[in-house]
Amino acid sequence: MDKIKVYYIDNNGVYQDHFRLEDPGYQAKAGETTVPKPSLREPAVIEGGAWRGATDEEYAAWLAAHPQKKVEKEPTAEQQMINALGKTQVTQTADIKELKQTVNFLGKQLMAAKNTQGGN
């Protein structure tokens, strides 16, 4: 029998970063919910049994309280390098495919030329 996740919320309904597993049919108590939190802007809040993402003001206050969670607006040098490598690989894969098609086409032309010359 699969377990269900029980998510912890504070007194304001704000999702806490952890959960525990319980048997199906478990009834959530105060400070808990069994409603899965979707991907929302933090701090996610449960209101009336449904999750909502943070307002601009809530998000700004949350970022101030959690500076390590702040998302960088500009990609790092490493991220830029990985992106460039990915683009290069895509280009090279397309080039290889085109070269294979060219080799296949030339091989067919060679075979056709040999057949018209009597196989010599």
Protein backbone atom coordinates (compact mmCIF):
# COMPACT_ATOMS: atom_id res chain seq x y z
CA MET A 1 0.00 0.00 0.00
CA ASP A 2 1.45 3.40 -1.02
CA LYS A 3 2.01 6.02 1.63
CA ILE A 4 0.80 9.61 1.29
CA LYS A 5 2.84 12.72 1.96
CA VAL A 6 1.83 14.95 4.84
CA TYR A 7 3.23 18.47 4.36
CA TYR A 8 3.94 20.79 7.27
CA ILE A 9 2.58 24.35 7.27
CA ASP A 10 3.01 27.09 9.83
CA ASN A 11 0.21 29.03 11.56
CA ASN A 12 -0.08 31.33 8.53
CA GLY A 13 -0.44 28.42 6.10
CA VAL A 14 3.10 28.85 4.75
CA TYR A 15 4.68 25.64 3.47
CA GLN A 16 7.55 24.36 5.57
CA ASP A 17 10.35 22.65 3.68
CA HIS A 18 9.59 19.06 4.75
CA PHE A 19 6.98 16.31 4.89
CA ARG A 20 6.47 12.83 6.31
CA LEU A 21 4.76 9.68 5.02
CA GLU A 22 1.51 8.30 6.45
CA ASP A 23 -0.94 5.54 5.59
CA PRO A 24 -3.73 6.34 3.10
CA GLY A 25 -6.79 7.81 4.78
CA TYR A 26 -4.70 9.82 7.25
CA GLN A 27 -6.54 12.99 8.34
CA ALA A 28 -4.30 16.06 8.47
CA LYS A 29 -4.14 17.86 11.78
CA ALA A 30 -3.50 21.53 12.52
CA GLY A 31 -0.23 22.56 10.90
CA GLU A 32 -0.45 19.82 8.25
CA THR A 33 -1.94 19.26 4.81
CA THR A 34 -2.05 16.33 2.40
CA VAL A 35 -2.56 18.63 -0.61
CA PRO A 36 0.68 18.44 -2.67
CA LYS A 37 2.37 21.79 -3.18
CA PRO A 38 2.82 22.64 -6.86
CA SER A 39 5.80 24.62 -8.11
CA LEU A 40 4.97 28.14 -6.94
CA ARG A 41 6.86 31.28 -6.02
CA GLU A 42 7.94 31.06 -2.37
CA PRO A 43 6.70 31.38 0.23
CA ALA A 44 3.82 29.22 -0.98
CA VAL A 45 0.71 29.51 1.18
CA ILE A 46 -2.29 27.22 1.52
CA GLU A 47 -5.60 29.08 1.72
CA GLY A 48 -8.96 27.34 1.83
CA GLY A 49 -7.37 24.01 0.89
CA ALA A 50 -5.58 25.36 -2.22
CA TRP A 51 -1.99 26.54 -2.65
CA ARG A 52 -1.11 30.00 -3.96
CA GLY A 53 2.23 31.52 -4.79
CA ALA A 54 3.59 34.52 -2.93
CA THR A 55 2.60 38.06 -3.81
CA ASP A 56 5.37 40.43 -4.89
CA GLU A 57 5.55 41.84 -1.36
CA GLU A 58 5.66 38.39 0.28
CA TYR A 59 8.34 37.23 -2.16
CA ALA A 60 10.50 40.31 -1.54
CA ALA A 61 10.27 39.78 2.24
CA TRP A 62 11.04 36.07 1.83
CA LEU A 63 14.12 36.82 -0.29
CA ALA A 64 15.35 39.31 2.29
CA ALA A 65 14.99 36.63 4.98
CA HIS A 66 16.59 33.91 2.79
CA PRO A 67 19.41 35.58 0.80
CA GLN A 68 20.99 32.21 -0.01
CA LYS A 69 17.85 31.26 -1.96
CA LYS A 70 17.96 34.32 -4.22
CA VAL A 71 17.99 33.38 -7.88
CA GLU A 72 20.74 34.98 -9.90
CA LYS A 73 19.40 36.94 -12.86
CA GLU A 74 22.49 36.46 -15.00
CA PRO A 75 23.82 32.97 -15.74
CA THR A 76 27.21 32.19 -14.24
CA ALA A 77 30.27 31.73 -16.44
CA GLU A 78 29.97 27.98 -15.89
CA GLN A 79 26.30 27.98 -16.96
CA GLN A 80 27.19 30.01 -20.06
CA MET A 81 29.98 27.55 -20.92
CA ILE A 82 27.65 24.54 -20.50
CA ASN A 83 25.07 26.25 -22.71
CA ALA A 84 27.70 26.97 -25.39
CA LEU A 85 28.89 23.33 -25.27
CA GLY A 86 25.32 22.13 -25.69
CA LYS A 87 24.81 24.37 -28.72
CA THR A 88 28.09 23.14 -30.22
CA GLN A 89 27.06 19.52 -29.73
CA VAL A 90 23.71 20.11 -31.44
CA THR A 91 25.46 21.76 -34.40
CA GLN A 92 28.04 18.98 -34.66
CA THR A 93 25.33 16.30 -34.50
CA ALA A 94 23.50 18.00 -37.39
CA ASP A 95 26.77 18.25 -39.36
CA ILE A 96 27.49 14.53 -38.82
CA LYS A 97 23.99 13.62 -40.00
CA GLU A 98 24.45 15.73 -43.14
CA LEU A 99 27.87 14.14 -43.83
CA LYS A 100 26.42 10.63 -43.45
CA GLN A 101 23.67 11.49 -45.94
CA THR A 102 26.26 12.83 -48.39
CA VAL A 103 28.42 9.70 -48.06
CA ASN A 104 25.34 7.51 -48.58
CA PHE A 105 24.34 9.52 -51.67
CA LEU A 106 27.86 9.32 -53.15
CA GLY A 107 27.99 5.57 -52.45
CA LYS A 108 24.74 5.08 -54.35
CA GLN A 109 26.06 7.14 -57.26
CA LEU A 110 29.26 5.08 -57.33
CA MET A 111 27.30 1.81 -57.35
CA ALA A 112 25.02 3.11 -60.11
CA ALA A 113 28.04 4.18 -62.19
CA LYS A 114 29.65 0.71 -61.76
CA ASN A 115 26.42 -1.00 -62.79
CA THR A 116 26.13 1.07 -65.98
CA GLN A 117 29.76 0.25 -66.87
CA GLY A 118 29.22 -3.44 -66.49
CA GLY A 119 30.56 -3.83 -62.95
CA ASN A 120 34.19 -2.88 -63.78
